[in-house]
C-alpha atoms as a PDB file:
ATOM      1  CA  MET A   1      74.842 103.307 109.213  1.00  0.00           C
ATOM      2  CA  ALA A   2      76.032 104.720 112.561  1.00  0.00           C
ATOM      3  CA  VAL A   3      79.459 103.104 112.286  1.00  0.00           C
ATOM      4  CA  ALA A   4      80.305 104.572 108.902  1.00  0.00           C
ATOM      5  CA  GLY A   5      79.192 108.100 109.617  1.00  0.00           C
ATOM      6  CA  CYS A   6      81.344 109.282 112.487  1.00  0.00           C
ATOM      7  CA  THR A   7      84.821 108.858 113.854  1.00  0.00           C
ATOM      8  CA  ASN A   8      84.205 110.337 117.324  1.00  0.00           C
ATOM      9  CA  ILE A   9      83.769 108.156 120.399  1.00  0.00           C
ATOM     10  CA  ALA A  10      80.995 109.340 122.727  1.00  0.00           C
ATOM     11  CA  THR A  11      82.593 110.669 125.899  1.00  0.00           C
ATOM     12  CA  SER A  12      81.631 112.725 128.897  1.00  0.00           C
ATOM     13  CA  ILE A  13      83.289 116.002 129.919  1.00  0.00           C
ATOM     14  CA  GLY A  14      85.712 114.051 132.094  1.00  0.00           C
ATOM     15  CA  GLY A  15      86.930 112.064 129.092  1.00  0.00           C
ATOM     16  CA  LYS A  16      85.126 108.905 130.133  1.00  0.00           C
ATOM     17  CA  PRO A  17      82.490 107.220 127.952  1.00  0.00           C
ATOM     18  CA  GLY A  18      79.129 108.927 128.294  1.00  0.00           C
ATOM     19  CA  PRO A  19      75.818 107.129 128.897  1.00  0.00           C
ATOM     20  CA  GLU A  20      75.082 107.169 125.177  1.00  0.00           C
ATOM     21  CA  ALA A  21      78.036 104.771 124.724  1.00  0.00           C
ATOM     22  CA  GLY A  22      76.223 102.096 126.717  1.00  0.00           C
ATOM     23  CA  LEU A  23      77.156 100.057 129.777  1.00  0.00           C
ATOM     24  CA  LEU A  24      80.144  98.173 128.414  1.00  0.00           C
ATOM     25  CA  ARG A  25      82.368 100.849 126.811  1.00  0.00           C
ATOM     26  CA  GLY A  26      85.838 100.561 128.328  1.00  0.00           C
ATOM     27  CA  LYS A  27      84.958  97.578 130.532  1.00  0.00           C
ATOM     28  CA  ARG A  28      87.224  94.566 130.791  1.00  0.00           C
ATOM     29  CA  PRO A  29      85.740  91.067 130.856  1.00  0.00           C
ATOM     30  CA  TRP A  30      84.959  89.528 134.213  1.00  0.00           C
ATOM     31  CA  ARG A  31      85.549  86.082 132.746  1.00  0.00           C
ATOM     32  CA  SER A  32      86.272  84.619 129.304  1.00  0.00           C
ATOM     33  CA  ALA A  33      87.277  81.349 127.667  1.00  0.00           C
ATOM     34  CA  HIS A  34      88.813  80.612 124.259  1.00  0.00           C
ATOM     35  CA  VAL A  35      88.587  84.280 123.230  1.00  0.00           C
ATOM     36  CA  SER A  36      91.658  86.115 121.934  1.00  0.00           C
ATOM     37  CA  GLY A  37      91.856  89.901 122.121  1.00  0.00           C
ATOM     38  CA  PRO A  38      88.760  90.363 124.333  1.00  0.00           C
ATOM     39  CA  ASN A  39      89.661  93.999 125.063  1.00  0.00           C
ATOM     40  CA  HIS A  40      88.759  94.852 121.461  1.00  0.00           C
ATOM     41  CA  LEU A  41      85.116  94.180 122.330  1.00  0.00           C
ATOM     42  CA  THR A  42      84.582  97.385 124.299  1.00  0.00           C
ATOM     43  CA  ASP A  43      87.197  99.826 122.998  1.00  0.00           C
ATOM     44  CA  GLY A  44      84.740 101.831 120.867  1.00  0.00           C
ATOM     45  CA  ILE A  45      86.546 100.919 117.627  1.00  0.00           C
ATOM     46  CA  ALA A  46      84.499  99.151 114.969  1.00  0.00           C
ATOM     47  CA  SER A  47      85.511  97.481 111.734  1.00  0.00           C
ATOM     48  CA  PHE A  48      84.425  98.962 108.441  1.00  0.00           C
ATOM     49  CA  PRO A  49      81.502  97.042 106.915  1.00  0.00           C
ATOM     50  CA  ASP A  50      82.676  94.144 104.726  1.00  0.00           C
ATOM     51  CA  ASP A  51      86.144  94.056 106.351  1.00  0.00           C
ATOM     52  CA  PRO A  52      87.534  90.525 106.844  1.00  0.00           C
ATOM     53  CA  PRO A  53      86.825  89.073 110.295  1.00  0.00           C
ATOM     54  CA  ARG A  54      90.349  88.068 111.375  1.00  0.00           C
ATOM     55  CA  THR A  55      92.079  91.432 111.878  1.00  0.00           C
ATOM     56  CA  ASP A  56      93.941  93.290 114.595  1.00  0.00           C
ATOM     57  CA  LEU A  57      90.664  95.043 115.532  1.00  0.00           C
ATOM     58  CA  THR A  58      88.631  91.976 116.404  1.00  0.00           C
ATOM     59  CA  ALA A  59      88.249  89.531 119.262  1.00  0.00           C
ATOM     60  CA  LEU A  60      88.290  85.955 117.977  1.00  0.00           C
ATOM     61  CA  PHE A  61      86.006  83.331 119.512  1.00  0.00           C
ATOM     62  CA  GLY A  62      87.716  79.973 119.086  1.00  0.00           C
ATOM     63  CA  SER A  63      84.571  77.812 119.015  1.00  0.00           C
ATOM     64  CA  PRO A  64      80.862  77.797 119.889  1.00  0.00           C
ATOM     65  CA  GLU A  65      81.976  77.017 123.463  1.00  0.00           C
ATOM     66  CA  ALA A  66      83.930  80.278 123.669  1.00  0.00           C
ATOM     67  CA  PHE A  67      82.416  83.087 125.726  1.00  0.00           C
ATOM     68  CA  VAL A  68      83.077  86.399 127.382  1.00  0.00           C
ATOM     69  CA  VAL A  69      81.231  87.604 130.493  1.00  0.00           C
ATOM     70  CA  TYR A  70      80.953  91.157 131.869  1.00  0.00           C
ATOM     71  CA  ASP A  71      80.055  92.126 135.427  1.00  0.00           C
ATOM     72  CA  LEU A  72      77.746  95.151 135.275  1.00  0.00           C
ATOM     73  CA  GLY A  73      78.249  95.788 138.987  1.00  0.00           C
ATOM     74  CA  ALA A  74      74.585  95.378 139.925  1.00  0.00           C
ATOM     75  CA  GLU A  75      71.350  93.977 138.563  1.00  0.00           C
ATOM     76  CA  MET A  76      70.649  96.067 135.460  1.00  0.00           C
ATOM     77  CA  PRO A  77      67.879  96.112 132.855  1.00  0.00           C
ATOM     78  CA  ILE A  78      69.049  95.753 129.258  1.00  0.00           C
ATOM     79  CA  ALA A  79      66.854  97.518 126.700  1.00  0.00           C
ATOM     80  CA  CYS A  80      69.246  97.814 123.730  1.00  0.00           C
ATOM     81  CA  ALA A  81      72.150  95.794 122.386  1.00  0.00           C
ATOM     82  CA  ALA A  82      74.475  95.907 119.385  1.00  0.00           C
ATOM     83  CA  VAL A  83      77.249  93.740 118.023  1.00  0.00           C
ATOM     84  CA  ASP A  84      79.706  94.473 115.210  1.00  0.00           C
ATOM     85  CA  ALA A  85      80.726  90.987 114.121  1.00  0.00           C
ATOM     86  CA  ASP A  86      81.352  88.571 111.261  1.00  0.00           C
ATOM     87  CA  GLY A  87      78.254  88.633 109.089  1.00  0.00           C
ATOM     88  CA  ASP A  88      77.639  84.923 108.499  1.00  0.00           C
ATOM     89  CA  ASP A  89      77.439  83.906 112.181  1.00  0.00           C
ATOM     90  CA  ALA A  90      74.935  84.348 115.003  1.00  0.00           C
ATOM     91  CA  TYR A  91      75.929  86.070 118.252  1.00  0.00           C
ATOM     92  CA  THR A  92      73.884  85.615 121.430  1.00  0.00           C
ATOM     93  CA  ILE A  93      73.721  87.920 124.438  1.00  0.00           C
ATOM     94  CA  ALA A  94      72.526  86.281 127.653  1.00  0.00           C
ATOM     95  CA  LEU A  95      71.990  87.641 131.184  1.00  0.00           C
ATOM     96  CA  SER A  96      72.481  86.143 134.625  1.00  0.00           C
ATOM     97  CA  PRO A  97      71.890  87.253 138.227  1.00  0.00           C
ATOM     98  CA  ASP A  98      74.774  85.169 139.584  1.00  0.00           C
ATOM     99  CA  GLY A  99      77.231  84.584 136.704  1.00  0.00           C
ATOM    100  CA  VAL A 100      76.324  80.888 136.608  1.00  0.00           C
ATOM    101  CA  THR A 101      72.869  80.474 135.105  1.00  0.00           C
ATOM    102  CA  PHE A 102      72.247  82.548 131.955  1.00  0.00           C
ATOM    103  CA  ALA A 103      69.031  83.283 130.066  1.00  0.00           C
ATOM    104  CA  PRO A 104      69.202  84.379 126.403  1.00  0.00           C
ATOM    105  CA  LEU A 105      68.241  88.002 125.805  1.00  0.00           C
ATOM    106  CA  TRP A 106      68.882  88.538 122.091  1.00  0.00           C
ATOM    107  CA  THR A 107      70.603  86.797 119.212  1.00  0.00           C
ATOM    108  CA  ALA A 108      72.138  88.918 116.459  1.00  0.00           C
ATOM    109  CA  PRO A 109      71.218  86.929 113.354  1.00  0.00           C
ATOM    110  CA  PRO A 110      73.480  86.317 110.350  1.00  0.00           C
ATOM    111  CA  SER A 111      73.634  89.210 107.910  1.00  0.00           C
ATOM    112  CA  ASP A 112      72.900  89.116 104.202  1.00  0.00           C
ATOM    113  CA  TYR A 113      76.324  90.653 103.585  1.00  0.00           C
ATOM    114  CA  PRO A 114      79.821  89.168 104.025  1.00  0.00           C
ATOM    115  CA  GLY A 115      82.575  90.374 106.312  1.00  0.00           C
ATOM    116  CA  MET A 116      82.091  92.459 109.444  1.00  0.00           C
ATOM    117  CA  GLN A 117      78.544  93.770 109.857  1.00  0.00           C
ATOM    118  CA  LEU A 118      76.792  95.779 112.562  1.00  0.00           C
ATOM    119  CA  ARG A 119      73.549  94.417 114.024  1.00  0.00           C
ATOM    120  CA  ALA A 120      71.489  96.191 116.679  1.00  0.00           C
ATOM    121  CA  ALA A 121      68.249  95.737 118.614  1.00  0.00           C
ATOM    122  CA  ARG A 122      65.950  97.969 120.659  1.00  0.00           C
ATOM    123  CA  ASP A 123      63.046  97.307 123.036  1.00  0.00           C
ATOM    124  CA  LEU A 124      64.671  94.295 124.669  1.00  0.00           C
ATOM    125  CA  HIS A 125      63.316  93.054 127.985  1.00  0.00           C
ATOM    126  CA  GLY A 126      65.730  91.432 130.401  1.00  0.00           C
ATOM    127  CA  SER A 127      67.874  92.136 133.434  1.00  0.00           C
ATOM    128  CA  GLY A 128      70.911  90.727 135.148  1.00  0.00           C
ATOM    129  CA  ARG A 129      74.217  91.590 136.736  1.00  0.00           C
ATOM    130  CA  TYR A 130      76.276  89.497 134.330  1.00  0.00           C
ATOM    131  CA  LEU A 131      76.184  89.738 130.541  1.00  0.00           C
ATOM    132  CA  ARG A 132      77.583  86.954 128.351  1.00  0.00           C
ATOM    133  CA  LEU A 133      78.349  86.856 124.628  1.00  0.00           C
ATOM    134  CA  THR A 134      78.694  83.626 122.622  1.00  0.00           C
ATOM    135  CA  ALA A 135      78.833  82.766 118.905  1.00  0.00           C
ATOM    136  CA  SER A 136      77.392  79.963 116.793  1.00  0.00           C
ATOM    137  CA  GLY A 137      76.616  78.823 113.258  1.00  0.00           C
ATOM    138  CA  GLY A 138      78.216  80.197 110.133  1.00  0.00           C
ATOM    139  CA  ASP A 139      81.624  79.072 108.938  1.00  0.00           C
ATOM    140  CA  GLY A 140      83.184  78.599 112.368  1.00  0.00           C
ATOM    141  CA  ILE A 141      85.239  81.812 112.188  1.00  0.00           C
ATOM    142  CA  TYR A 142      83.778  83.964 114.947  1.00  0.00           C
ATOM    143  CA  ALA A 143      85.009  87.538 115.222  1.00  0.00           C
ATOM    144  CA  VAL A 144      83.620  90.553 117.078  1.00  0.00           C
ATOM    145  CA  ALA A 145      84.911  94.109 116.846  1.00  0.00           C
ATOM    146  CA  GLU A 146      82.488  95.751 119.280  1.00  0.00           C
ATOM    147  CA  LEU A 147      79.803  94.791 121.790  1.00  0.00           C
ATOM    148  CA  SER A 148      77.383  97.346 123.265  1.00  0.00           C
ATOM    149  CA  ALA A 149      74.428  97.258 125.643  1.00  0.00           C
ATOM    150  CA  ALA A 150      72.297  99.926 127.302  1.00  0.00           C
ATOM    151  CA  ALA A 151      69.902  99.943 130.240  1.00  0.00           C
ATOM    152  CA  VAL A 152      67.825 102.711 128.647  1.00  0.00           C
ATOM    153  CA  CYS A 153      67.883 103.142 124.890  1.00  0.00           C
ATOM    154  CA  PRO A 154      69.436 106.514 123.971  1.00  0.00           C
ATOM    155  CA  PRO A 155      68.001 108.446 121.010  1.00  0.00           C
ATOM    156  CA  GLN A 156      70.808 107.150 118.800  1.00  0.00           C
ATOM    157  CA  TRP A 157      71.318 103.412 118.823  1.00  0.00           C
ATOM    158  CA  PRO A 158      73.630 101.707 118.015  1.00  0.00           C
ATOM    159  CA  PRO A 159      76.112 104.019 119.734  1.00  0.00           C
ATOM    160  CA  VAL A 160      78.668 106.103 117.912  1.00  0.00           C
ATOM    161  CA  LEU A 161      81.783 104.073 117.110  1.00  0.00           C
ATOM    162  CA  ALA A 162      85.138 104.865 115.515  1.00  0.00           C
ATOM    163  CA  PRO A 163      85.509 102.753 112.359  1.00  0.00           C
ATOM    164  CA  GLN A 164      88.942 101.653 111.230  1.00  0.00           C
ATOM    165  CA  ARG A 165      90.404  99.409 108.557  1.00  0.00           C
ATOM    166  CA  GLY A 166      91.896  96.398 110.267  1.00  0.00           C
ATOM    167  CA  THR A 167      95.059  94.589 109.212  1.00  0.00           C
ATOM    168  CA  PRO A 168      94.361  90.893 108.565  1.00  0.00           C
ATOM    169  CA  ILE A 169      95.960  88.875 111.362  1.00  0.00           C
ATOM    170  CA  ASP A 170      97.629  86.416 108.992  1.00  0.00           C
ATOM    171  CA  ASN A 171      99.276  89.307 107.117  1.00  0.00           C
ATOM    172  CA  SER A 172     100.466  90.845 110.382  1.00  0.00           C
ATOM    173  CA  VAL A 173     101.935  87.562 111.635  1.00  0.00           C
ATOM    174  CA  ALA A 174     103.598  86.809 108.294  1.00  0.00           C
ATOM    175  CA  THR A 175     105.137  90.300 108.174  1.00  0.00           C
ATOM    176  CA  LYS A 176     106.583  89.881 111.678  1.00  0.00           C
ATOM    177  CA  ALA A 177     107.897  86.408 110.810  1.00  0.00           C
ATOM    178  CA  TRP A 178     109.708  87.588 107.651  1.00  0.00           C
ATOM    179  CA  ALA A 179     111.011  90.694 109.453  1.00  0.00           C
ATOM    180  CA  PHE A 180     112.462  88.583 112.246  1.00  0.00           C
ATOM    181  CA  ALA A 181     114.064  86.190 109.756  1.00  0.00           C
ATOM    182  CA  VAL A 182     115.740  89.027 107.844  1.00  0.00           C
ATOM    183  CA  LEU A 183     116.906  90.912 110.951  1.00  0.00           C
ATOM    184  CA  ALA A 184     118.150  87.794 112.722  1.00  0.00           C
ATOM    185  CA  ALA A 185     119.995  86.495 109.654  1.00  0.00           C
ATOM    186  CA  ALA A 186     121.600  89.887 109.026  1.00  0.00           C
ATOM    187  CA  TYR A 187     122.756  90.115 112.640  1.00  0.00           C
ATOM    188  CA  VAL A 188     124.203  86.590 112.600  1.00  0.00           C
ATOM    189  CA  LEU A 189     126.113  87.241 109.366  1.00  0.00           C
ATOM    190  CA  ALA A 190     127.410  90.674 110.402  1.00  0.00           C
ATOM    191  CA  TYR A 191     128.325  89.940 114.024  1.00  0.00           C
ATOM    192  CA  ARG A 192     132.005  90.115 114.971  1.00  0.00           C
ATOM    193  CA  ARG A 193     133.470  89.937 118.464  1.00  0.00           C
ATOM    194  CA  LYS A 194     135.604  93.021 117.896  1.00  0.00           C
ATOM    195  CA  LEU A 195     132.697  95.189 116.784  1.00  0.00           C
ATOM    196  CA  PRO A 196     131.721  98.150 119.019  1.00  0.00           C
ATOM    197  CA  ASP A 197     129.267  97.448 121.825  1.00  0.00           C
ATOM    198  CA  PHE A 198     126.580  99.642 120.261  1.00  0.00           C
ATOM    199  CA  PHE A 199     126.445  97.291 117.273  1.00  0.00           C
ATOM    200  CA  LYS A 200     126.025  94.281 119.541  1.00  0.00           C
ATOM    201  CA  LEU A 201     123.030  96.018 121.115  1.00  0.00           C
ATOM    202  CA  LEU A 202     121.299  95.896 117.729  1.00  0.00           C
ATOM    203  CA  VAL A 203     120.303  92.353 118.680  1.00  0.00           C
ATOM    204  CA  ALA A 204     117.369  94.093 120.384  1.00  0.00           C
ATOM    205  CA  ALA A 205     115.768  94.643 116.961  1.00  0.00           C
ATOM    206  CA  PRO A 206     115.232  90.972 116.022  1.00  0.00           C
ATOM    207  CA  LEU A 207     114.479  90.088 119.647  1.00  0.00           C
ATOM    208  CA  GLY A 208     111.774  92.756 119.826  1.00  0.00           C
ATOM    209  CA  VAL A 209     110.140  91.508 116.637  1.00  0.00           C
ATOM    210  CA  LEU A 210     110.378  87.917 117.912  1.00  0.00           C
ATOM    211  CA  ILE A 211     108.646  88.803 121.178  1.00  0.00           C
ATOM    212  CA  ALA A 212     105.842  90.569 119.293  1.00  0.00           C
ATOM    213  CA  LEU A 213     105.525  87.553 116.976  1.00  0.00           C
ATOM    214  CA  VAL A 214     105.366  85.048 119.842  1.00  0.00           C
ATOM    215  CA  LEU A 215     102.740  87.086 121.700  1.00  0.00           C
ATOM    216  CA  GLN A 216     100.566  87.372 118.601  1.00  0.00           C
ATOM    217  CA  LEU A 217     100.904  83.674 117.828  1.00  0.00           C
ATOM    218  CA  ALA A 218      99.940  82.794 121.388  1.00  0.00           C
ATOM    219  CA  ASP A 219      96.833  84.912 120.940  1.00  0.00           C
ATOM    220  CA  ILE A 220      95.659  83.121 117.763  1.00  0.00           C
ATOM    221  CA  TRP A 221      97.094  79.627 118.254  1.00  0.00           C
ATOM    222  CA  PRO A 222      96.802  77.353 116.357  1.00  0.00           C
ATOM    223  CA  PRO A 223      97.827  79.380 113.290  1.00  0.00           C
ATOM    224  CA  SER A 224      95.916  79.129 110.048  1.00  0.00           C
ATOM    225  CA  PRO A 225      97.263  76.988 107.163  1.00  0.00           C
ATOM    226  CA  SER A 226      98.321  80.124 105.260  1.00  0.00           C
ATOM    227  CA  LEU A 227     100.914  80.846 107.979  1.00  0.00           C
ATOM    228  CA  ARG A 228     102.636  77.478 107.801  1.00  0.00           C
ATOM    229  CA  ALA A 229     105.040  78.504 105.021  1.00  0.00           C
ATOM    230  CA  PRO A 230     106.464  81.648 106.703  1.00  0.00           C
ATOM    231  CA  LEU A 231     106.564  80.028 110.152  1.00  0.00           C
ATOM    232  CA  LEU A 232     108.496  77.042 108.793  1.00  0.00           C
ATOM    233  CA  ALA A 233     110.760  79.255 106.690  1.00  0.00           C
ATOM    234  CA  VAL A 234     111.878  81.461 109.594  1.00  0.00           C
ATOM    235  CA  PRO A 235     113.964  78.864 111.491  1.00  0.00           C
ATOM    236  CA  ALA A 236     115.326  77.579 108.167  1.00  0.00           C
ATOM    237  CA  ILE A 237     116.545  81.067 107.194  1.00  0.00           C
ATOM    238  CA  VAL A 238     118.171  81.692 110.573  1.00  0.00           C
ATOM    239  CA  ALA A 239     119.772  78.233 110.532  1.00  0.00           C
ATOM    240  CA  ALA A 240     121.094  78.904 107.018  1.00  0.00           C
ATOM    241  CA  ALA A 241     122.656  82.160 108.251  1.00  0.00           C
ATOM    242  CA  PHE A 242     124.463  80.283 111.033  1.00  0.00           C
ATOM    243  CA  ALA A 243     125.605  77.632 108.527  1.00  0.00           C
ATOM    244  CA  ILE A 244     126.960  80.264 106.127  1.00  0.00           C
ATOM    245  CA  ARG A 245     128.752  82.017 108.969  1.00  0.00           C
ATOM    246  CA  TYR A 246     130.286  78.737 110.104  1.00  0.00           C
ATOM    247  CA  VAL A 247     131.470  77.791 106.596  1.00  0.00           C
ATOM    248  CA  VAL A 248     132.937  81.259 105.978  1.00  0.00           C
ATOM    249  CA  ALA A 249     134.659  81.248 109.368  1.00  0.00           C
ATOM    250  CA  ARG A 250     136.187  77.811 108.727  1.00  0.00           C
ATOM    251  CA  LYS A 251     137.377  78.868 105.295  1.00  0.00           C
ATOM    252  CA  PHE A 252     138.863  82.093 106.660  1.00  0.00           C
ATOM    253  CA  ALA A 253     140.604  80.164 109.473  1.00  0.00           C
ATOM    254  CA  GLY A 254     141.978  77.680 106.923  1.00  0.00           C
ATOM    255  CA  THR A 255     143.305  80.495 104.760  1.00  0.00           C
ATOM    256  CA  ARG A 256     145.074  82.137 107.697  1.00  0.00           C
ATOM    257  CA  SER A 257     146.692  78.865 108.798  1.00  0.00           C
ATOM    258  CA  THR A 258     147.978  78.269 105.249  1.00  0.00           C
ATOM    259  CA  ARG A 259     149.571  81.701 105.145  1.00  0.00           C
ATOM    260  CA  THR A 260     151.362  81.173 108.426  1.00  0.00           C
END
């Protein structure tokens, strides 16, 4: 399979994607709806076959109504297409002259294998300025690592991609959540007004993790059931740290007043 055999992305002498990479490599969507991480679709990085669909390498389509549309810049023929996506779903490429009315060009059918799977087609016959991708069927978890299309089929199709092992999104979110809880609790318990300023600046560590966590959650909201436990535990841990600090401070203040 083309994905598994090479780790080089096809580029021209100037460092830009060459024609063998297709029309979409490096393009940003013209329009999208209910799709998280759409820039993953054209970055030239594919998932390894059988990888889970929800990883940091994939764009997630939230429902069958989700879509992403690319402006090709002019009316273009499309002769080849490829999609690296979750194997138990169908993914449809459609074309439009005006970005409003779309006609189906090709549907990548479900694969016989689970996880992320590459599907490709040659000898397609259609043209349009706008190209749209949608998902349907399967288990309702729609994920795409790479989308490619070409006006003229190059000798090698699908194009060369760089395969990587993705980190499951739920694992990534849970790791950030626990890291924030630990860092925030440690800072709350260790903080003292008389400490040097450089120590106070260490608050940037939990804040940085929190920002990364919030951005990732916004991208995949609503979170899956497996994330409920860590997401509920985080505020409880931080609140417990504040409670411990308060109790210790009161006890210390009481001890000092007794001595005086």
